[in-house]
Amino acid sequence: MTDSSFLTVDVRDVLKAGGEPFSDIMRAVASLAPGQGLRLLAIFKPVPLFSVMAQKGFNHSEREIGGGDWEVIFTPVAAAAVQDTAQ
């Protein structure tokens, strides 16, 4: 998948301000095109979101990107399966 295959949602400012970005994230997920993934930027590893997204058909990978911030890539299971078979 290319970077253009992912919609980036940066919720770091919302979280730093004490807000709750869950509804923003779910709106972004609902707007994804078929096969498109989500790139989430957060100030912590959003573990509870992993099971929510799995129920919606997404695998995830995460990495700390510095300063306590995290990047989580949510890939549609069907797209991830195609990617795995191509390797």
N, C-alpha and C. Protein backbone atom coordinates (compact mmCIF):
# COMPACT_ATOMS: atom_id res chain seq x y z
N MET A 1 0.84 -1.18 0.00
CA MET A 1 0.00 0.00 0.00
C MET A 1 0.88 1.24 0.00
N THR A 2 0.44 2.24 -0.69
CA THR A 2 1.17 3.50 -0.71
C THR A 2 0.61 4.44 0.36
N ASP A 3 1.34 5.53 0.62
CA ASP A 3 0.86 6.50 1.60
C ASP A 3 -0.50 7.06 1.22
N SER A 4 -0.79 7.15 -0.07
CA SER A 4 -2.08 7.68 -0.51
C SER A 4 -3.22 6.69 -0.23
N SER A 5 -2.88 5.46 0.14
CA SER A 5 -3.89 4.47 0.48
C SER A 5 -4.37 4.62 1.93
N PHE A 6 -3.83 5.62 2.62
CA PHE A 6 -4.18 5.84 4.02
C PHE A 6 -4.69 7.25 4.24
N LEU A 7 -5.72 7.37 5.04
CA LEU A 7 -6.21 8.66 5.50
C LEU A 7 -5.53 8.94 6.83
N THR A 8 -4.86 10.07 6.96
CA THR A 8 -4.18 10.41 8.21
C THR A 8 -5.10 11.21 9.11
N VAL A 9 -5.21 10.77 10.35
CA VAL A 9 -5.98 11.46 11.37
C VAL A 9 -5.03 11.74 12.54
N ASP A 10 -4.80 13.01 12.80
CA ASP A 10 -3.90 13.43 13.87
C ASP A 10 -4.74 13.96 15.03
N VAL A 11 -4.80 13.17 16.10
CA VAL A 11 -5.63 13.55 17.26
C VAL A 11 -4.78 14.06 18.43
N ARG A 12 -3.52 14.32 18.19
CA ARG A 12 -2.63 14.75 19.27
C ARG A 12 -3.09 16.04 19.93
N ASP A 13 -3.47 17.05 19.15
CA ASP A 13 -3.90 18.32 19.74
C ASP A 13 -5.19 18.17 20.54
N VAL A 14 -6.12 17.38 20.03
CA VAL A 14 -7.38 17.13 20.73
C VAL A 14 -7.09 16.48 22.09
N LEU A 15 -6.22 15.48 22.09
CA LEU A 15 -5.89 14.78 23.34
C LEU A 15 -5.16 15.71 24.31
N LYS A 16 -4.23 16.50 23.81
CA LYS A 16 -3.49 17.43 24.68
C LYS A 16 -4.42 18.45 25.32
N ALA A 17 -5.49 18.80 24.62
CA ALA A 17 -6.46 19.77 25.15
C ALA A 17 -7.48 19.11 26.07
N GLY A 18 -7.35 17.80 26.28
CA GLY A 18 -8.27 17.09 27.17
C GLY A 18 -9.52 16.59 26.49
N GLY A 19 -9.55 16.65 25.16
CA GLY A 19 -10.71 16.20 24.41
C GLY A 19 -10.73 14.70 24.18
N GLU A 20 -11.84 14.24 23.67
CA GLU A 20 -12.03 12.81 23.36
C GLU A 20 -12.23 12.68 21.85
N PRO A 21 -11.26 12.12 21.13
CA PRO A 21 -11.32 12.08 19.67
C PRO A 21 -12.02 10.86 19.07
N PHE A 22 -12.61 10.01 19.90
CA PHE A 22 -13.17 8.75 19.38
C PHE A 22 -14.17 9.00 18.25
N SER A 23 -15.08 9.94 18.42
CA SER A 23 -16.09 10.17 17.38
C SER A 23 -15.44 10.69 16.09
N ASP A 24 -14.39 11.50 16.21
CA ASP A 24 -13.67 11.97 15.02
C ASP A 24 -13.02 10.80 14.29
N ILE A 25 -12.44 9.90 15.05
CA ILE A 25 -11.79 8.72 14.46
C ILE A 25 -12.83 7.85 13.75
N MET A 26 -13.96 7.63 14.39
CA MET A 26 -15.00 6.78 13.79
C MET A 26 -15.59 7.43 12.54
N ARG A 27 -15.72 8.76 12.52
CA ARG A 27 -16.18 9.45 11.31
C ARG A 27 -15.17 9.26 10.18
N ALA A 28 -13.90 9.32 10.52
CA ALA A 28 -12.85 9.12 9.51
C ALA A 28 -12.91 7.69 8.97
N VAL A 29 -13.10 6.72 9.85
CA VAL A 29 -13.19 5.33 9.42
C VAL A 29 -14.39 5.15 8.49
N ALA A 30 -15.51 5.77 8.83
CA ALA A 30 -16.72 5.66 8.00
C ALA A 30 -16.52 6.29 6.62
N SER A 31 -15.59 7.24 6.52
CA SER A 31 -15.37 7.93 5.24
C SER A 31 -14.34 7.23 4.34
N LEU A 32 -13.71 6.17 4.84
CA LEU A 32 -12.67 5.49 4.06
C LEU A 32 -13.25 4.84 2.81
N ALA A 33 -12.49 4.93 1.75
CA ALA A 33 -12.86 4.24 0.52
C ALA A 33 -12.57 2.75 0.70
N PRO A 34 -13.23 1.89 -0.09
CA PRO A 34 -12.93 0.46 0.01
C PRO A 34 -11.43 0.20 -0.17
N GLY A 35 -10.87 -0.57 0.75
CA GLY A 35 -9.45 -0.90 0.69
C GLY A 35 -8.52 0.14 1.29
N GLN A 36 -9.07 1.28 1.67
CA GLN A 36 -8.24 2.35 2.24
C GLN A 36 -8.01 2.11 3.72
N GLY A 37 -6.82 2.46 4.19
CA GLY A 37 -6.47 2.32 5.59
C GLY A 37 -6.46 3.66 6.30
N LEU A 38 -6.17 3.61 7.59
CA LEU A 38 -6.15 4.80 8.43
C LEU A 38 -4.80 4.89 9.13
N ARG A 39 -4.21 6.06 9.08
CA ARG A 39 -2.97 6.36 9.80
C ARG A 39 -3.34 7.30 10.93
N LEU A 40 -3.20 6.83 12.17
CA LEU A 40 -3.59 7.60 13.34
C LEU A 40 -2.35 8.08 14.08
N LEU A 41 -2.33 9.35 14.44
CA LEU A 41 -1.27 9.92 15.25
C LEU A 41 -1.86 10.31 16.59
N ALA A 42 -1.25 9.82 17.68
CA ALA A 42 -1.78 10.06 19.02
C ALA A 42 -0.63 10.27 20.01
N ILE A 43 -0.98 10.76 21.20
CA ILE A 43 0.05 11.03 22.22
C ILE A 43 0.25 9.84 23.14
N PHE A 44 -0.45 8.75 22.87
CA PHE A 44 -0.25 7.50 23.61
C PHE A 44 -0.64 6.35 22.69
N LYS A 45 -0.25 5.16 23.07
CA LYS A 45 -0.60 3.96 22.31
C LYS A 45 -2.08 3.66 22.59
N PRO A 46 -2.96 3.81 21.60
CA PRO A 46 -4.40 3.70 21.83
C PRO A 46 -4.91 2.25 21.85
N VAL A 47 -4.46 1.50 22.82
CA VAL A 47 -4.76 0.07 22.90
C VAL A 47 -6.26 -0.24 22.82
N PRO A 48 -7.14 0.48 23.54
CA PRO A 48 -8.57 0.14 23.44
C PRO A 48 -9.13 0.25 22.01
N LEU A 49 -8.55 1.10 21.20
CA LEU A 49 -9.01 1.26 19.83
C LEU A 49 -8.69 0.04 18.97
N PHE A 50 -7.67 -0.72 19.35
CA PHE A 50 -7.26 -1.87 18.54
C PHE A 50 -8.39 -2.88 18.39
N SER A 51 -9.10 -3.20 19.47
CA SER A 51 -10.18 -4.18 19.38
C SER A 51 -11.39 -3.62 18.64
N VAL A 52 -11.66 -2.33 18.81
CA VAL A 52 -12.76 -1.69 18.07
C VAL A 52 -12.49 -1.79 16.57
N MET A 53 -11.28 -1.47 16.18
CA MET A 53 -10.94 -1.50 14.76
C MET A 53 -10.87 -2.93 14.23
N ALA A 54 -10.45 -3.87 15.05
CA ALA A 54 -10.44 -5.28 14.63
C ALA A 54 -11.87 -5.74 14.32
N GLN A 55 -12.83 -5.32 15.14
CA GLN A 55 -14.23 -5.67 14.90
C GLN A 55 -14.74 -5.05 13.61
N LYS A 56 -14.13 -3.96 13.18
CA LYS A 56 -14.51 -3.31 11.93
C LYS A 56 -13.72 -3.85 10.74
N GLY A 57 -12.84 -4.83 10.98
CA GLY A 57 -12.12 -5.49 9.90
C GLY A 57 -10.75 -4.91 9.59
N PHE A 58 -10.07 -4.37 10.60
CA PHE A 58 -8.75 -3.78 10.39
C PHE A 58 -7.69 -4.46 11.26
N ASN A 59 -6.55 -4.73 10.65
CA ASN A 59 -5.34 -5.10 11.39
C ASN A 59 -4.64 -3.81 11.76
N HIS A 60 -3.69 -3.89 12.68
CA HIS A 60 -2.95 -2.67 13.02
C HIS A 60 -1.48 -2.98 13.24
N SER A 61 -0.69 -1.95 13.09
CA SER A 61 0.72 -1.98 13.50
C SER A 61 0.97 -0.62 14.14
N GLU A 62 1.82 -0.61 15.14
CA GLU A 62 2.08 0.65 15.84
C GLU A 62 3.55 0.84 16.07
N ARG A 63 3.94 2.11 16.19
CA ARG A 63 5.32 2.42 16.53
C ARG A 63 5.36 3.77 17.22
N GLU A 64 6.26 3.88 18.18
CA GLU A 64 6.48 5.15 18.85
C GLU A 64 7.30 6.03 17.90
N ILE A 65 6.88 7.26 17.72
CA ILE A 65 7.56 8.13 16.75
C ILE A 65 8.34 9.25 17.43
N GLY A 66 8.46 9.18 18.75
CA GLY A 66 9.26 10.17 19.46
C GLY A 66 8.41 11.08 20.33
N GLY A 67 8.99 11.53 21.41
CA GLY A 67 8.31 12.44 22.30
C GLY A 67 7.06 11.86 22.95
N GLY A 68 6.97 10.54 22.98
CA GLY A 68 5.78 9.90 23.53
C GLY A 68 4.63 9.76 22.54
N ASP A 69 4.81 10.26 21.32
CA ASP A 69 3.77 10.17 20.30
C ASP A 69 3.83 8.81 19.60
N TRP A 70 2.67 8.40 19.09
CA TRP A 70 2.54 7.11 18.42
C TRP A 70 1.90 7.27 17.06
N GLU A 71 2.34 6.42 16.14
CA GLU A 71 1.71 6.27 14.84
C GLU A 71 1.14 4.86 14.78
N VAL A 72 -0.14 4.78 14.47
CA VAL A 72 -0.79 3.48 14.33
C VAL A 72 -1.36 3.40 12.92
N ILE A 73 -1.02 2.34 12.24
CA ILE A 73 -1.51 2.09 10.88
C ILE A 73 -2.58 1.00 10.97
N PHE A 74 -3.79 1.35 10.56
CA PHE A 74 -4.88 0.39 10.50
C PHE A 74 -5.09 0.03 9.04
N THR A 75 -4.93 -1.25 8.74
CA THR A 75 -5.04 -1.75 7.37
C THR A 75 -6.26 -2.67 7.27
N PRO A 76 -7.10 -2.47 6.27
CA PRO A 76 -8.24 -3.38 6.10
C PRO A 76 -7.74 -4.82 5.96
N VAL A 77 -8.40 -5.74 6.62
CA VAL A 77 -7.97 -7.14 6.62
C VAL A 77 -7.85 -7.68 5.20
N ALA A 78 -8.78 -7.38 4.32
CA ALA A 78 -8.73 -7.87 2.95
C ALA A 78 -7.47 -7.33 2.24
N ALA A 79 -7.15 -6.06 2.45
CA ALA A 79 -5.96 -5.47 1.82
C ALA A 79 -4.71 -6.07 2.42
N ALA A 80 -4.72 -6.33 3.72
CA ALA A 80 -3.55 -6.94 4.37
C ALA A 80 -3.34 -8.35 3.86
N ALA A 81 -4.40 -9.09 3.61
CA ALA A 81 -4.28 -10.45 3.09
C ALA A 81 -3.68 -10.43 1.68
N VAL A 82 -4.10 -9.50 0.86
CA VAL A 82 -3.56 -9.38 -0.49
C VAL A 82 -2.07 -9.03 -0.41
N GLN A 83 -1.72 -8.12 0.50
CA GLN A 83 -0.33 -7.72 0.66
C GLN A 83 0.52 -8.90 1.12
N ASP A 84 0.02 -9.72 2.04
CA ASP A 84 0.76 -10.88 2.54
C ASP A 84 1.00 -11.90 1.42
N THR A 85 0.03 -12.12 0.56
CA THR A 85 0.19 -13.11 -0.50
C THR A 85 1.14 -12.60 -1.59
N ALA A 86 1.29 -11.29 -1.70
CA ALA A 86 2.18 -10.70 -2.71
C ALA A 86 3.64 -10.80 -2.30
N GLN A 87 3.90 -11.05 -1.03
CA GLN A 87 5.29 -11.08 -0.54
C GLN A 87 5.92 -12.42 -0.71
